[in-house]
Amino acid sequence: MTTKNPPNLWTVIHESSLKHVDGSRADMTGQLERALDTARLRSVTVQSLPHNVGATRPQACSPFSTFRSRRTLTWMSN
């Protein structure tokens, strides 16, 4: 993601994933800091899906991959 011409990454993270504690406080802090550092890269878009959106479409809750071009890759896994 830090090469001269990196692929574009667009990810949607459910709010509960950001709040779920798994590991020590230091582990969680490190993971969130890494996510923020990655989100700051010019080729990366990170969005959060809030709890209050209600039920989501089944496609949003199941793993899927979309390859649109040589430079754009969309992949999701729960």
Protein backbone atom coordinates (compact mmCIF):
# COMPACT_ATOMS: atom_id res chain seq x y z
CA MET A 1 0.00 0.00 0.00
CA THR A 2 3.04 2.27 0.17
CA THR A 3 4.50 1.59 -3.27
CA LYS A 4 4.61 4.22 -6.02
CA ASN A 5 1.37 2.97 -7.64
CA PRO A 6 -0.49 1.03 -4.92
CA PRO A 7 -3.84 -0.62 -5.54
CA ASN A 8 -6.90 1.18 -4.18
CA LEU A 9 -8.40 -0.25 -1.02
CA TRP A 10 -11.94 0.60 0.05
CA THR A 11 -13.22 -1.10 3.17
CA VAL A 12 -16.34 -0.82 5.29
CA ILE A 13 -15.96 -1.85 8.92
CA HIS A 14 -18.99 -2.44 11.10
CA GLU A 15 -19.01 -0.29 14.23
CA SER A 16 -19.21 -3.38 16.43
CA SER A 17 -15.87 -4.56 15.02
CA LEU A 18 -14.25 -1.35 16.20
CA LYS A 19 -15.68 -1.72 19.70
CA HIS A 20 -15.21 -5.47 20.17
CA VAL A 21 -12.41 -6.19 22.65
CA ASP A 22 -10.21 -9.18 21.85
CA GLY A 23 -6.89 -9.19 23.66
CA SER A 24 -5.22 -6.72 25.96
CA ARG A 25 -5.67 -2.95 25.95
CA ALA A 26 -2.22 -2.66 24.34
CA ASP A 27 -3.22 -5.13 21.60
CA MET A 28 -6.41 -3.21 20.85
CA THR A 29 -4.63 0.15 20.87
CA GLY A 30 -2.02 -1.19 18.45
CA GLN A 31 -4.67 -2.57 16.10
CA LEU A 32 -6.64 0.68 16.06
CA GLU A 33 -3.47 2.73 15.52
CA ARG A 34 -2.50 0.49 12.61
CA ALA A 35 -5.99 0.88 11.10
CA LEU A 36 -5.75 4.68 11.42
CA ASP A 37 -2.27 4.75 9.86
CA THR A 38 -3.53 2.67 6.94
CA ALA A 39 -6.65 4.82 6.54
CA ARG A 40 -4.42 7.89 6.09
CA LEU A 41 -2.80 6.46 2.94
CA ARG A 42 -3.93 8.16 -0.28
CA SER A 43 -5.04 4.89 -1.89
CA VAL A 44 -7.14 3.77 1.09
CA THR A 45 -10.76 4.59 1.95
CA VAL A 46 -12.13 3.33 5.26
CA GLN A 47 -15.77 3.74 6.20
CA SER A 48 -17.65 2.67 9.30
CA LEU A 49 -21.11 1.12 9.17
CA PRO A 50 -22.94 2.40 12.29
CA HIS A 51 -25.18 0.27 14.48
CA ASN A 52 -28.20 2.47 13.80
CA VAL A 53 -28.48 1.60 10.10
CA GLY A 54 -30.64 -1.36 11.04
CA ALA A 55 -30.61 -4.63 9.13
CA THR A 56 -28.20 -4.84 6.23
CA ARG A 57 -28.50 -6.66 2.94
CA PRO A 58 -27.32 -10.29 3.04
CA GLN A 59 -24.47 -9.43 0.64
CA ALA A 60 -23.08 -7.03 3.25
CA CYS A 61 -22.96 -9.81 5.84
CA SER A 62 -21.30 -12.47 3.70
CA PRO A 63 -17.76 -12.72 2.36
CA PHE A 64 -17.37 -11.61 -1.24
CA SER A 65 -14.72 -10.38 -3.65
CA THR A 66 -14.97 -7.96 -6.55
CA PHE A 67 -12.14 -7.35 -9.00
CA ARG A 68 -12.91 -4.35 -11.21
CA SER A 69 -9.58 -3.52 -12.83
CA ARG A 70 -5.86 -4.04 -12.50
CA ARG A 71 -5.61 -1.24 -9.95
CA THR A 72 -8.81 -1.70 -7.94
CA LEU A 73 -9.60 -4.66 -5.71
CA THR A 74 -12.59 -4.97 -3.42
CA TRP A 75 -12.66 -7.83 -0.92
CA MET A 76 -14.78 -8.42 2.16
CA SER A 77 -14.70 -11.13 4.76
CA ASN A 78 -16.37 -11.44 8.14
